[in-house]
Amino acid sequence: RYAWGDDYHEVLWSKLNALELLLKQKVSEPFGARAYADTGPVPER
C-alpha cells in the first residue's frame, strides 16, 4: 500500500523541511537540525 502513489520519502521530507523552517523562524539563536524521512541512520520507531 505504501508504494501505490508518489515516493513517500519526498512527500514526508517536504513537510519535515517546512517544519524545520518554522522552527528556525521561531527561534532567534542559531541551532543545529537535520531532517530524515526514513532516509537516515535513525531508529524512528
PDB file of all heavy atoms in Angstrom:
ATOM      1  N   ARG A   1       0.810  -1.218   0.000  1.00  0.00           N
ATOM      2  CA  ARG A   1       0.000   0.000   0.000  1.00  0.00           C
ATOM      3  C   ARG A   1       0.848   1.275   0.000  1.00  0.00           C
ATOM      4  O   ARG A   1       0.490   2.268  -0.641  1.00  0.00           O
ATOM      5  CB  ARG A   1      -0.921  -0.049   1.227  1.00  0.00           C
ATOM      6  CG  ARG A   1      -1.930   1.054   1.374  1.00  0.00           C
ATOM      7  CD  ARG A   1      -2.883   0.725   2.524  1.00  0.00           C
ATOM      8  NE  ARG A   1      -3.644  -0.477   2.227  1.00  0.00           N
ATOM      9  CZ  ARG A   1      -4.883  -0.475   1.700  1.00  0.00           C
ATOM     10  NH1 ARG A   1      -5.489   0.656   1.471  1.00  0.00           N
ATOM     11  NH2 ARG A   1      -5.501  -1.616   1.446  1.00  0.00           N
ATOM     12  N   TYR A   2       1.958   1.248   0.708  1.00  0.00           N
ATOM     13  CA  TYR A   2       2.742   2.471   0.835  1.00  0.00           C
ATOM     14  C   TYR A   2       3.383   2.906  -0.472  1.00  0.00           C
ATOM     15  O   TYR A   2       3.820   4.063  -0.617  1.00  0.00           O
ATOM     16  CB  TYR A   2       3.824   2.321   1.913  1.00  0.00           C
ATOM     17  CG  TYR A   2       5.055   1.560   1.498  1.00  0.00           C
ATOM     18  CD1 TYR A   2       6.110   2.191   0.845  1.00  0.00           C
ATOM     19  CD2 TYR A   2       5.186   0.201   1.772  1.00  0.00           C
ATOM     20  CE1 TYR A   2       7.251   1.496   0.468  1.00  0.00           C
ATOM     21  CE2 TYR A   2       6.319  -0.494   1.407  1.00  0.00           C
ATOM     22  CZ  TYR A   2       7.350   0.162   0.760  1.00  0.00           C
ATOM     23  OH  TYR A   2       8.474  -0.532   0.394  1.00  0.00           O
ATOM     24  N   ALA A   3       3.464   1.996  -1.459  1.00  0.00           N
ATOM     25  CA  ALA A   3       4.172   2.289  -2.705  1.00  0.00           C
ATOM     26  C   ALA A   3       3.229   2.574  -3.870  1.00  0.00           C
ATOM     27  O   ALA A   3       3.689   2.730  -5.002  1.00  0.00           O
ATOM     28  CB  ALA A   3       5.093   1.118  -3.067  1.00  0.00           C
ATOM     29  N   TRP A   4       1.942   2.677  -3.631  1.00  0.00           N
ATOM     30  CA  TRP A   4       0.986   2.902  -4.717  1.00  0.00           C
ATOM     31  C   TRP A   4       1.136   4.277  -5.361  1.00  0.00           C
ATOM     32  O   TRP A   4       0.916   4.437  -6.545  1.00  0.00           O
ATOM     33  CB  TRP A   4      -0.450   2.767  -4.210  1.00  0.00           C
ATOM     34  CG  TRP A   4      -0.847   1.372  -3.884  1.00  0.00           C
ATOM     35  CD1 TRP A   4      -0.186   0.222  -4.183  1.00  0.00           C
ATOM     36  CD2 TRP A   4      -2.029   0.971  -3.189  1.00  0.00           C
ATOM     37  NE1 TRP A   4      -0.878  -0.867  -3.710  1.00  0.00           N
ATOM     38  CE2 TRP A   4      -2.010  -0.435  -3.091  1.00  0.00           C
ATOM     39  CE3 TRP A   4      -3.096   1.664  -2.616  1.00  0.00           C
ATOM     40  CZ2 TRP A   4      -3.022  -1.161  -2.464  1.00  0.00           C
ATOM     41  CZ3 TRP A   4      -4.098   0.948  -1.985  1.00  0.00           C
ATOM     42  CH2 TRP A   4      -4.072  -0.455  -1.925  1.00  0.00           C
ATOM     43  N   GLY A   5       1.448   5.263  -4.556  1.00  0.00           N
ATOM     44  CA  GLY A   5       1.460   6.638  -5.044  1.00  0.00           C
ATOM     45  C   GLY A   5       2.856   7.189  -5.233  1.00  0.00           C
ATOM     46  O   GLY A   5       3.789   6.484  -5.621  1.00  0.00           O
ATOM     47  N   ASP A   6       2.991   8.483  -4.939  1.00  0.00           N
ATOM     48  CA  ASP A   6       4.290   9.139  -5.070  1.00  0.00           C
ATOM     49  C   ASP A   6       5.251   8.641  -3.994  1.00  0.00           C
ATOM     50  O   ASP A   6       4.830   8.121  -2.966  1.00  0.00           O
ATOM     51  CB  ASP A   6       4.123  10.658  -4.958  1.00  0.00           C
ATOM     52  CG  ASP A   6       3.330  11.241  -6.121  1.00  0.00           C
ATOM     53  OD1 ASP A   6       3.200  10.548  -7.154  1.00  0.00           O
ATOM     54  OD2 ASP A   6       2.834  12.373  -6.000  1.00  0.00           O
ATOM     55  N   ASP A   7       6.524   8.845  -4.236  1.00  0.00           N
ATOM     56  CA  ASP A   7       7.554   8.410  -3.293  1.00  0.00           C
ATOM     57  C   ASP A   7       7.321   9.083  -1.941  1.00  0.00           C
ATOM     58  O   ASP A   7       7.432  10.308  -1.811  1.00  0.00           O
ATOM     59  CB  ASP A   7       8.928   8.784  -3.845  1.00  0.00           C
ATOM     60  CG  ASP A   7      10.063   8.172  -3.043  1.00  0.00           C
ATOM     61  OD1 ASP A   7       9.849   7.810  -1.874  1.00  0.00           O
ATOM     62  OD2 ASP A   7      11.181   8.074  -3.589  1.00  0.00           O
ATOM     63  N   TYR A   8       7.014   8.266  -0.936  1.00  0.00           N
ATOM     64  CA  TYR A   8       6.676   8.821   0.372  1.00  0.00           C
ATOM     65  C   TYR A   8       7.845   9.561   1.009  1.00  0.00           C
ATOM     66  O   TYR A   8       7.642  10.472   1.829  1.00  0.00           O
ATOM     67  CB  TYR A   8       6.175   7.718   1.309  1.00  0.00           C
ATOM     68  CG  TYR A   8       7.245   6.772   1.813  1.00  0.00           C
ATOM     69  CD1 TYR A   8       7.894   6.997   3.023  1.00  0.00           C
ATOM     70  CD2 TYR A   8       7.596   5.643   1.088  1.00  0.00           C
ATOM     71  CE1 TYR A   8       8.868   6.127   3.487  1.00  0.00           C
ATOM     72  CE2 TYR A   8       8.576   4.773   1.545  1.00  0.00           C
ATOM     73  CZ  TYR A   8       9.200   5.018   2.741  1.00  0.00           C
ATOM     74  OH  TYR A   8      10.168   4.167   3.197  1.00  0.00           O
ATOM     75  N   HIS A   9       9.069   9.196   0.640  1.00  0.00           N
ATOM     76  CA  HIS A   9      10.234   9.899   1.182  1.00  0.00           C
ATOM     77  C   HIS A   9      10.162  11.390   0.849  1.00  0.00           C
ATOM     78  O   HIS A   9      10.393  12.248   1.711  1.00  0.00           O
ATOM     79  CB  HIS A   9      11.540   9.327   0.604  1.00  0.00           C
ATOM     80  CG  HIS A   9      11.763   7.874   0.878  1.00  0.00           C
ATOM     81  ND1 HIS A   9      11.338   6.896   0.016  1.00  0.00           N
ATOM     82  CD2 HIS A   9      12.350   7.238   1.920  1.00  0.00           C
ATOM     83  CE1 HIS A   9      11.674   5.712   0.492  1.00  0.00           C
ATOM     84  NE2 HIS A   9      12.278   5.882   1.655  1.00  0.00           N
ATOM     85  N   GLU A  10       9.805  11.673  -0.415  1.00  0.00           N
ATOM     86  CA  GLU A  10       9.751  13.063  -0.858  1.00  0.00           C
ATOM     87  C   GLU A  10       8.591  13.805  -0.210  1.00  0.00           C
ATOM     88  O   GLU A  10       8.722  14.967   0.198  1.00  0.00           O
ATOM     89  CB  GLU A  10       9.634  13.117  -2.383  1.00  0.00           C
ATOM     90  CG  GLU A  10      10.806  12.503  -3.127  1.00  0.00           C
ATOM     91  CD  GLU A  10      12.119  13.222  -2.834  1.00  0.00           C
ATOM     92  OE1 GLU A  10      12.093  14.448  -2.589  1.00  0.00           O
ATOM     93  OE2 GLU A  10      13.171  12.556  -2.846  1.00  0.00           O
ATOM     94  N   VAL A  11       7.435  13.152  -0.121  1.00  0.00           N
ATOM     95  CA  VAL A  11       6.263  13.776   0.500  1.00  0.00           C
ATOM     96  C   VAL A  11       6.552  14.107   1.964  1.00  0.00           C
ATOM     97  O   VAL A  11       6.277  15.212   2.452  1.00  0.00           O
ATOM     98  CB  VAL A  11       5.032  12.853   0.400  1.00  0.00           C
ATOM     99  CG1 VAL A  11       3.830  13.471   1.113  1.00  0.00           C
ATOM    100  CG2 VAL A  11       4.691  12.566  -1.058  1.00  0.00           C
ATOM    101  N   LEU A  12       7.124  13.144   2.661  1.00  0.00           N
ATOM    102  CA  LEU A  12       7.424  13.307   4.084  1.00  0.00           C
ATOM    103  C   LEU A  12       8.517  14.359   4.297  1.00  0.00           C
ATOM    104  O   LEU A  12       8.412  15.215   5.188  1.00  0.00           O
ATOM    105  CB  LEU A  12       7.868  11.957   4.642  1.00  0.00           C
ATOM    106  CG  LEU A  12       7.948  11.759   6.161  1.00  0.00           C
ATOM    107  CD1 LEU A  12       6.620  12.047   6.825  1.00  0.00           C
ATOM    108  CD2 LEU A  12       8.409  10.342   6.480  1.00  0.00           C
ATOM    109  N   TRP A  13       9.541  14.279   3.482  1.00  0.00           N
ATOM    110  CA  TRP A  13      10.681  15.179   3.642  1.00  0.00           C
ATOM    111  C   TRP A  13      10.292  16.643   3.432  1.00  0.00           C
ATOM    112  O   TRP A  13      10.764  17.543   4.135  1.00  0.00           O
ATOM    113  CB  TRP A  13      11.811  14.773   2.697  1.00  0.00           C
ATOM    114  CG  TRP A  13      13.161  15.257   3.144  1.00  0.00           C
ATOM    115  CD1 TRP A  13      13.620  15.377   4.426  1.00  0.00           C
ATOM    116  CD2 TRP A  13      14.234  15.679   2.306  1.00  0.00           C
ATOM    117  NE1 TRP A  13      14.916  15.837   4.445  1.00  0.00           N
ATOM    118  CE2 TRP A  13      15.317  16.031   3.148  1.00  0.00           C
ATOM    119  CE3 TRP A  13      14.391  15.773   0.929  1.00  0.00           C
ATOM    120  CZ2 TRP A  13      16.530  16.483   2.651  1.00  0.00           C
ATOM    121  CZ3 TRP A  13      15.610  16.215   0.425  1.00  0.00           C
ATOM    122  CH2 TRP A  13      16.653  16.567   1.287  1.00  0.00           C
ATOM    123  N   SER A  14       9.409  16.892   2.460  1.00  0.00           N
ATOM    124  CA  SER A  14       8.994  18.276   2.199  1.00  0.00           C
ATOM    125  C   SER A  14       8.274  18.857   3.409  1.00  0.00           C
ATOM    126  O   SER A  14       8.460  20.033   3.756  1.00  0.00           O
ATOM    127  CB  SER A  14       8.090  18.332   0.960  1.00  0.00           C
ATOM    128  OG  SER A  14       6.871  17.649   1.181  1.00  0.00           O
ATOM    129  N   LYS A  15       7.485  18.047   4.088  1.00  0.00           N
ATOM    130  CA  LYS A  15       6.779  18.518   5.281  1.00  0.00           C
ATOM    131  C   LYS A  15       7.748  18.709   6.452  1.00  0.00           C
ATOM    132  O   LYS A  15       7.625  19.668   7.230  1.00  0.00           O
ATOM    133  CB  LYS A  15       5.670  17.537   5.648  1.00  0.00           C
ATOM    134  CG  LYS A  15       4.544  17.447   4.615  1.00  0.00           C
ATOM    135  CD  LYS A  15       3.463  16.475   5.066  1.00  0.00           C
ATOM    136  CE  LYS A  15       2.371  16.367   4.011  1.00  0.00           C
ATOM    137  NZ  LYS A  15       1.649  17.663   3.854  1.00  0.00           N
ATOM    138  N   LEU A  16       8.707  17.791   6.595  1.00  0.00           N
ATOM    139  CA  LEU A  16       9.692  17.940   7.657  1.00  0.00           C
ATOM    140  C   LEU A  16      10.540  19.197   7.455  1.00  0.00           C
ATOM    141  O   LEU A  16      10.837  19.925   8.413  1.00  0.00           O
ATOM    142  CB  LEU A  16      10.601  16.708   7.704  1.00  0.00           C
ATOM    143  CG  LEU A  16       9.967  15.404   8.199  1.00  0.00           C
ATOM    144  CD1 LEU A  16      10.911  14.236   7.932  1.00  0.00           C
ATOM    145  CD2 LEU A  16       9.632  15.478   9.679  1.00  0.00           C
ATOM    146  N   ASN A  17      10.923  19.449   6.211  1.00  0.00           N
ATOM    147  CA  ASN A  17      11.705  20.642   5.926  1.00  0.00           C
ATOM    148  C   ASN A  17      10.921  21.911   6.219  1.00  0.00           C
ATOM    149  O   ASN A  17      11.477  22.903   6.710  1.00  0.00           O
ATOM    150  CB  ASN A  17      12.169  20.637   4.468  1.00  0.00           C
ATOM    151  CG  ASN A  17      13.281  19.645   4.209  1.00  0.00           C
ATOM    152  OD1 ASN A  17      13.999  19.261   5.116  1.00  0.00           O
ATOM    153  ND2 ASN A  17      13.426  19.213   2.968  1.00  0.00           N
ATOM    154  N   ALA A  18       9.620  21.873   5.932  1.00  0.00           N
ATOM    155  CA  ALA A  18       8.772  23.029   6.229  1.00  0.00           C
ATOM    156  C   ALA A  18       8.679  23.247   7.738  1.00  0.00           C
ATOM    157  O   ALA A  18       8.708  24.394   8.210  1.00  0.00           O
ATOM    158  CB  ALA A  18       7.384  22.823   5.627  1.00  0.00           C
ATOM    159  N   LEU A  19       8.586  22.160   8.507  1.00  0.00           N
ATOM    160  CA  LEU A  19       8.526  22.281   9.964  1.00  0.00           C
ATOM    161  C   LEU A  19       9.864  22.792  10.519  1.00  0.00           C
ATOM    162  O   LEU A  19       9.886  23.627  11.435  1.00  0.00           O
ATOM    163  CB  LEU A  19       8.177  20.926  10.584  1.00  0.00           C
ATOM    164  CG  LEU A  19       8.012  20.889  12.108  1.00  0.00           C
ATOM    165  CD1 LEU A  19       6.950  21.885  12.574  1.00  0.00           C
ATOM    166  CD2 LEU A  19       7.660  19.472  12.569  1.00  0.00           C
ATOM    167  N   GLU A  20      10.961  22.322   9.955  1.00  0.00           N
ATOM    168  CA  GLU A  20      12.275  22.800  10.383  1.00  0.00           C
ATOM    169  C   GLU A  20      12.418  24.299  10.115  1.00  0.00           C
ATOM    170  O   GLU A  20      12.956  25.044  10.945  1.00  0.00           O
ATOM    171  CB  GLU A  20      13.371  22.029   9.653  1.00  0.00           C
ATOM    172  CG  GLU A  20      14.783  22.437  10.059  1.00  0.00           C
ATOM    173  CD  GLU A  20      15.842  21.688   9.267  1.00  0.00           C
ATOM    174  OE1 GLU A  20      15.584  20.532   8.876  1.00  0.00           O
ATOM    175  OE2 GLU A  20      16.930  22.268   9.049  1.00  0.00           O
ATOM    176  N   LEU A  21      11.910  24.752   8.979  1.00  0.00           N
ATOM    177  CA  LEU A  21      11.972  26.175   8.644  1.00  0.00           C
ATOM    178  C   LEU A  21      11.164  27.000   9.638  1.00  0.00           C
ATOM    179  O   LEU A  21      11.602  28.081  10.068  1.00  0.00           O
ATOM    180  CB  LEU A  21      11.461  26.397   7.222  1.00  0.00           C
ATOM    181  CG  LEU A  21      11.443  27.849   6.729  1.00  0.00           C
ATOM    182  CD1 LEU A  21      12.857  28.433   6.744  1.00  0.00           C
ATOM    183  CD2 LEU A  21      10.844  27.927   5.328  1.00  0.00           C
ATOM    184  N   LEU A  22      10.001  26.502  10.034  1.00  0.00           N
ATOM    185  CA  LEU A  22       9.186  27.210  11.026  1.00  0.00           C
ATOM    186  C   LEU A  22       9.921  27.309  12.361  1.00  0.00           C
ATOM    187  O   LEU A  22       9.840  28.324  13.055  1.00  0.00           O
ATOM    188  CB  LEU A  22       7.848  26.490  11.207  1.00  0.00           C
ATOM    189  CG  LEU A  22       6.863  26.603  10.036  1.00  0.00           C
ATOM    190  CD1 LEU A  22       5.659  25.688  10.260  1.00  0.00           C
ATOM    191  CD2 LEU A  22       6.409  28.048   9.849  1.00  0.00           C
ATOM    192  N   LEU A  23      10.632  26.245  12.732  1.00  0.00           N
ATOM    193  CA  LEU A  23      11.428  26.273  13.956  1.00  0.00           C
ATOM    194  C   LEU A  23      12.502  27.362  13.887  1.00  0.00           C
ATOM    195  O   LEU A  23      12.730  28.103  14.851  1.00  0.00           O
ATOM    196  CB  LEU A  23      12.087  24.914  14.184  1.00  0.00           C
ATOM    197  CG  LEU A  23      11.296  23.838  14.927  1.00  0.00           C
ATOM    198  CD1 LEU A  23      12.042  22.515  14.867  1.00  0.00           C
ATOM    199  CD2 LEU A  23      11.054  24.245  16.374  1.00  0.00           C
ATOM    200  N   LYS A  24      13.155  27.457  12.734  1.00  0.00           N
ATOM    201  CA  LYS A  24      14.211  28.449  12.575  1.00  0.00           C
ATOM    202  C   LYS A  24      13.656  29.870  12.612  1.00  0.00           C
ATOM    203  O   LYS A  24      14.327  30.806  13.057  1.00  0.00           O
ATOM    204  CB  LYS A  24      14.963  28.191  11.272  1.00  0.00           C
ATOM    205  CG  LYS A  24      15.805  26.928  11.311  1.00  0.00           C
ATOM    206  CD  LYS A  24      16.536  26.673  10.009  1.00  0.00           C
ATOM    207  CE  LYS A  24      17.422  25.427  10.131  1.00  0.00           C
ATOM    208  NZ  LYS A  24      18.119  25.107   8.854  1.00  0.00           N
ATOM    209  N   GLN A  25      12.425  30.045  12.130  1.00  0.00           N
ATOM    210  CA  GLN A  25      11.793  31.360  12.181  1.00  0.00           C
ATOM    211  C   GLN A  25      11.336  31.711  13.597  1.00  0.00           C
ATOM    212  O   GLN A  25      11.284  32.883  13.964  1.00  0.00           O
ATOM    213  CB  GLN A  25      10.601  31.394  11.219  1.00  0.00           C
ATOM    214  CG  GLN A  25      10.995  31.293   9.756  1.00  0.00           C
ATOM    215  CD  GLN A  25       9.801  31.119   8.836  1.00  0.00           C
ATOM    216  OE1 GLN A  25       8.683  30.838   9.278  1.00  0.00           O
ATOM    217  NE2 GLN A  25      10.023  31.299   7.535  1.00  0.00           N
ATOM    218  N   LYS A  26      11.029  30.675  14.374  1.00  0.00           N
ATOM    219  CA  LYS A  26      10.537  30.884  15.731  1.00  0.00           C
ATOM    220  C   LYS A  26      11.670  31.159  16.716  1.00  0.00           C
ATOM    221  O   LYS A  26      11.513  31.952  17.657  1.00  0.00           O
ATOM    222  CB  LYS A  26       9.767  29.622  16.167  1.00  0.00           C
ATOM    223  CG  LYS A  26       9.182  29.675  17.563  1.00  0.00           C
ATOM    224  CD  LYS A  26       7.953  30.558  17.640  1.00  0.00           C
ATOM    225  CE  LYS A  26       7.265  30.415  18.988  1.00  0.00           C
ATOM    226  NZ  LYS A  26       6.093  31.305  19.128  1.00  0.00           N
ATOM    227  N   VAL A  27      12.815  30.507  16.506  1.00  0.00           N
ATOM    228  CA  VAL A  27      13.932  30.596  17.450  1.00  0.00           C
ATOM    229  C   VAL A  27      14.961  31.586  16.907  1.00  0.00           C
ATOM    230  O   VAL A  27      15.426  31.448  15.768  1.00  0.00           O
ATOM    231  CB  VAL A  27      14.578  29.215  17.665  1.00  0.00           C
ATOM    232  CG1 VAL A  27      15.746  29.311  18.623  1.00  0.00           C
ATOM    233  CG2 VAL A  27      13.541  28.226  18.184  1.00  0.00           C
ATOM    234  N   SER A  28      15.339  32.539  17.720  1.00  0.00           N
ATOM    235  CA  SER A  28      16.247  33.594  17.262  1.00  0.00           C
ATOM    236  C   SER A  28      17.701  33.134  17.171  1.00  0.00           C
ATOM    237  O   SER A  28      18.415  33.478  16.234  1.00  0.00           O
ATOM    238  CB  SER A  28      16.142  34.813  18.185  1.00  0.00           C
ATOM    239  OG  SER A  28      16.417  34.441  19.530  1.00  0.00           O
ATOM    240  N   GLU A  29      18.148  32.335  18.151  1.00  0.00           N
ATOM    241  CA  GLU A  29      19.540  31.917  18.135  1.00  0.00           C
ATOM    242  C   GLU A  29      19.750  30.756  17.157  1.00  0.00           C
ATOM    243  O   GLU A  29      18.839  29.970  16.902  1.00  0.00           O
ATOM    244  CB  GLU A  29      20.002  31.501  19.536  1.00  0.00           C
ATOM    245  CG  GLU A  29      19.399  30.204  20.062  1.00  0.00           C
ATOM    246  CD  GLU A  29      18.106  30.423  20.825  1.00  0.00           C
ATOM    247  OE1 GLU A  29      17.531  31.517  20.700  1.00  0.00           O
ATOM    248  OE2 GLU A  29      17.671  29.491  21.529  1.00  0.00           O
ATOM    249  N   PRO A  30      20.955  30.642  16.594  1.00  0.00           N
ATOM    250  CA  PRO A  30      21.238  29.539  15.659  1.00  0.00           C
ATOM    251  C   PRO A  30      21.256  28.192  16.381  1.00  0.00           C
ATOM    252  O   PRO A  30      21.596  28.102  17.560  1.00  0.00           O
ATOM    253  CB  PRO A  30      22.617  29.891  15.106  1.00  0.00           C
ATOM    254  CG  PRO A  30      23.241  30.754  16.151  1.00  0.00           C
ATOM    255  CD  PRO A  30      22.122  31.534  16.770  1.00  0.00           C
ATOM    256  N   PHE A  31      20.865  27.156  15.671  1.00  0.00           N
ATOM    257  CA  PHE A  31      20.886  25.804  16.229  1.00  0.00           C
ATOM    258  C   PHE A  31      21.071  24.798  15.109  1.00  0.00           C
ATOM    259  O   PHE A  31      20.811  25.079  13.941  1.00  0.00           O
ATOM    260  CB  PHE A  31      19.593  25.509  17.010  1.00  0.00           C
ATOM    261  CG  PHE A  31      18.341  25.545  16.158  1.00  0.00           C
ATOM    262  CD1 PHE A  31      17.862  24.409  15.513  1.00  0.00           C
ATOM    263  CD2 PHE A  31      17.628  26.738  16.006  1.00  0.00           C
ATOM    264  CE1 PHE A  31      16.717  24.440  14.741  1.00  0.00           C
ATOM    265  CE2 PHE A  31      16.483  26.776  15.236  1.00  0.00           C
ATOM    266  CZ  PHE A  31      16.021  25.640  14.600  1.00  0.00           C
ATOM    267  N   GLY A  32      21.532  23.606  15.490  1.00  0.00           N
ATOM    268  CA  GLY A  32      21.706  22.538  14.521  1.00  0.00           C
ATOM    269  C   GLY A  32      20.424  21.748  14.334  1.00  0.00           C
ATOM    270  O   GLY A  32      19.664  21.560  15.288  1.00  0.00           O
ATOM    271  N   ALA A  33      20.182  21.301  13.113  1.00  0.00           N
ATOM    272  CA  ALA A  33      18.980  20.496  12.840  1.00  0.00           C
ATOM    273  C   ALA A  33      19.213  19.651  11.597  1.00  0.00           C
ATOM    274  O   ALA A  33      19.904  20.084  10.662  1.00  0.00           O
ATOM    275  CB  ALA A  33      17.761  21.387  12.664  1.00  0.00           C
ATOM    276  N   ARG A  34      18.642  18.465  11.608  1.00  0.00           N
ATOM    277  CA  ARG A  34      18.753  17.563  10.460  1.00  0.00           C
ATOM    278  C   ARG A  34      17.481  16.727  10.369  1.00  0.00           C
ATOM    279  O   ARG A  34      17.082  16.086  11.341  1.00  0.00           O
ATOM    280  CB  ARG A  34      19.979  16.677  10.602  1.00  0.00           C
ATOM    281  CG  ARG A  34      20.284  15.815   9.371  1.00  0.00           C
ATOM    282  CD  ARG A  34      21.647  15.171   9.503  1.00  0.00           C
ATOM    283  NE  ARG A  34      22.700  16.184   9.543  1.00  0.00           N
ATOM    284  CZ  ARG A  34      23.955  15.933   9.902  1.00  0.00           C
ATOM    285  NH1 ARG A  34      24.291  14.710  10.275  1.00  0.00           N
ATOM    286  NH2 ARG A  34      24.855  16.882   9.906  1.00  0.00           N
ATOM    287  N   ALA A  35      16.844  16.755   9.198  1.00  0.00           N
ATOM    288  CA  ALA A  35      15.586  16.027   8.998  1.00  0.00           C
ATOM    289  C   ALA A  35      15.833  14.742   8.214  1.00  0.00           C
ATOM    290  O   ALA A  35      16.602  14.733   7.241  1.00  0.00           O
ATOM    291  CB  ALA A  35      14.580  16.903   8.264  1.00  0.00           C
ATOM    292  N   TYR A  36      15.174  13.674   8.636  1.00  0.00           N
ATOM    293  CA  TYR A  36      15.261  12.388   7.938  1.00  0.00           C
ATOM    294  C   TYR A  36      13.854  11.837   7.701  1.00  0.00           C
ATOM    295  O   TYR A  36      13.059  11.727   8.633  1.00  0.00           O
ATOM    296  CB  TYR A  36      16.055  11.370   8.753  1.00  0.00           C
ATOM    297  CG  TYR A  36      17.539  11.627   8.810  1.00  0.00           C
ATOM    298  CD1 TYR A  36      18.171  11.952  10.007  1.00  0.00           C
ATOM    299  CD2 TYR A  36      18.320  11.530   7.654  1.00  0.00           C
ATOM    300  CE1 TYR A  36      19.540  12.176  10.061  1.00  0.00           C
ATOM    301  CE2 TYR A  36      19.688  11.749   7.702  1.00  0.00           C
ATOM    302  CZ  TYR A  36      20.292  12.070   8.906  1.00  0.00           C
ATOM    303  OH  TYR A  36      21.648  12.293   8.953  1.00  0.00           O
ATOM    304  N   ALA A  37      13.591  11.492   6.449  1.00  0.00           N
ATOM    305  CA  ALA A  37      12.301  10.914   6.077  1.00  0.00           C
ATOM    306  C   ALA A  37      12.511   9.446   5.726  1.00  0.00           C
ATOM    307  O   ALA A  37      12.464   9.062   4.558  1.00  0.00           O
ATOM    308  CB  ALA A  37      11.695  11.674   4.899  1.00  0.00           C
ATOM    309  N   ASP A  38      12.768   8.627   6.750  1.00  0.00           N
ATOM    310  CA  ASP A  38      13.081   7.214   6.548  1.00  0.00           C
ATOM    311  C   ASP A  38      14.292   7.081   5.630  1.00  0.00           C
ATOM    312  O   ASP A  38      14.354   6.198   4.783  1.00  0.00           O
ATOM    313  CB  ASP A  38      11.873   6.473   5.963  1.00  0.00           C
ATOM    314  CG  ASP A  38      12.032   4.963   6.026  1.00  0.00           C
ATOM    315  OD1 ASP A  38      12.832   4.479   6.844  1.00  0.00           O
ATOM    316  OD2 ASP A  38      11.360   4.260   5.239  1.00  0.00           O
ATOM    317  N   THR A  39      15.240   8.001   5.792  1.00  0.00           N
ATOM    318  CA  THR A  39      16.382   8.056   4.890  1.00  0.00           C
ATOM    319  C   THR A  39      17.721   8.048   5.613  1.00  0.00           C
ATOM    320  O   THR A  39      18.767   8.055   4.951  1.00  0.00           O
ATOM    321  CB  THR A  39      16.325   9.334   4.030  1.00  0.00           C
ATOM    322  OG1 THR A  39      16.127  10.467   4.897  1.00  0.00           O
ATOM    323  CG2 THR A  39      15.180   9.271   3.031  1.00  0.00           C
ATOM    324  N   GLY A  40      17.730   8.069   6.937  1.00  0.00           N
ATOM    325  CA  GLY A  40      18.985   8.165   7.658  1.00  0.00           C
ATOM    326  C   GLY A  40      19.157   7.077   8.696  1.00  0.00           C
ATOM    327  O   GLY A  40      18.246   6.274   8.941  1.00  0.00           O
ATOM    328  N   PRO A  41      20.312   7.045   9.330  1.00  0.00           N
ATOM    329  CA  PRO A  41      20.612   6.024  10.345  1.00  0.00           C
ATOM    330  C   PRO A  41      19.944   6.342  11.682  1.00  0.00           C
ATOM    331  O   PRO A  41      20.613   6.617  12.681  1.00  0.00           O
ATOM    332  CB  PRO A  41      22.135   6.084  10.431  1.00  0.00           C
ATOM    333  CG  PRO A  41      22.451   7.517  10.137  1.00  0.00           C
ATOM    334  CD  PRO A  41      21.450   7.956   9.106  1.00  0.00           C
ATOM    335  N   VAL A  42      18.623   6.310  11.681  1.00  0.00           N
ATOM    336  CA  VAL A  42      17.847   6.745  12.846  1.00  0.00           C
ATOM    337  C   VAL A  42      16.807   5.675  13.203  1.00  0.00           C
ATOM    338  O   VAL A  42      16.092   5.200  12.313  1.00  0.00           O
ATOM    339  CB  VAL A  42      17.129   8.076  12.550  1.00  0.00           C
ATOM    340  CG1 VAL A  42      16.387   8.570  13.782  1.00  0.00           C
ATOM    341  CG2 VAL A  42      18.115   9.133  12.071  1.00  0.00           C
ATOM    342  N   PRO A  43      16.677   5.296  14.479  1.00  0.00           N
ATOM    343  CA  PRO A  43      15.675   4.301  14.899  1.00  0.00           C
ATOM    344  C   PRO A  43      14.312   4.963  15.108  1.00  0.00           C
ATOM    345  O   PRO A  43      13.851   5.158  16.232  1.00  0.00           O
ATOM    346  CB  PRO A  43      16.256   3.765  16.208  1.00  0.00           C
ATOM    347  CG  PRO A  43      16.995   4.941  16.783  1.00  0.00           C
ATOM    348  CD  PRO A  43      17.559   5.694  15.612  1.00  0.00           C
ATOM    349  N   GLU A  44      13.635   5.291  14.004  1.00  0.00           N
ATOM    350  CA  GLU A  44      12.400   6.083  14.080  1.00  0.00           C
ATOM    351  C   GLU A  44      11.341   5.486  14.997  1.00  0.00           C
ATOM    352  O   GLU A  44      10.687   6.211  15.754  1.00  0.00           O
ATOM    353  CB  GLU A  44      11.801   6.274  12.682  1.00  0.00           C
ATOM    354  CG  GLU A  44      12.619   7.132  11.743  1.00  0.00           C
ATOM    355  CD  GLU A  44      13.541   6.309  10.864  1.00  0.00           C
ATOM    356  OE1 GLU A  44      13.716   5.110  11.152  1.00  0.00           O
ATOM    357  OE2 GLU A  44      14.086   6.875   9.901  1.00  0.00           O
ATOM    358  N   ARG A  45      11.132   4.178  14.908  1.00  0.00           N
ATOM    359  CA  ARG A  45      10.044   3.579  15.693  1.00  0.00           C
ATOM    360  C   ARG A  45      10.301   3.677  17.193  1.00  0.00           C
ATOM    361  O   ARG A  45       9.373   3.934  17.971  1.00  0.00           O
ATOM    362  CB  ARG A  45       9.850   2.119  15.279  1.00  0.00           C
ATOM    363  CG  ARG A  45       9.137   1.960  13.943  1.00  0.00           C
ATOM    364  CD  ARG A  45       9.140   0.524  13.465  1.00  0.00           C
ATOM    365  NE  ARG A  45      10.473   0.129  13.015  1.00  0.00           N
ATOM    366  CZ  ARG A  45      10.781  -1.086  12.564  1.00  0.00           C
ATOM    367  NH1 ARG A  45       9.855  -2.021  12.535  1.00  0.00           N
ATOM    368  NH2 ARG A  45      11.997  -1.363  12.147  1.00  0.00           N
TER     369      ARG A  45
END
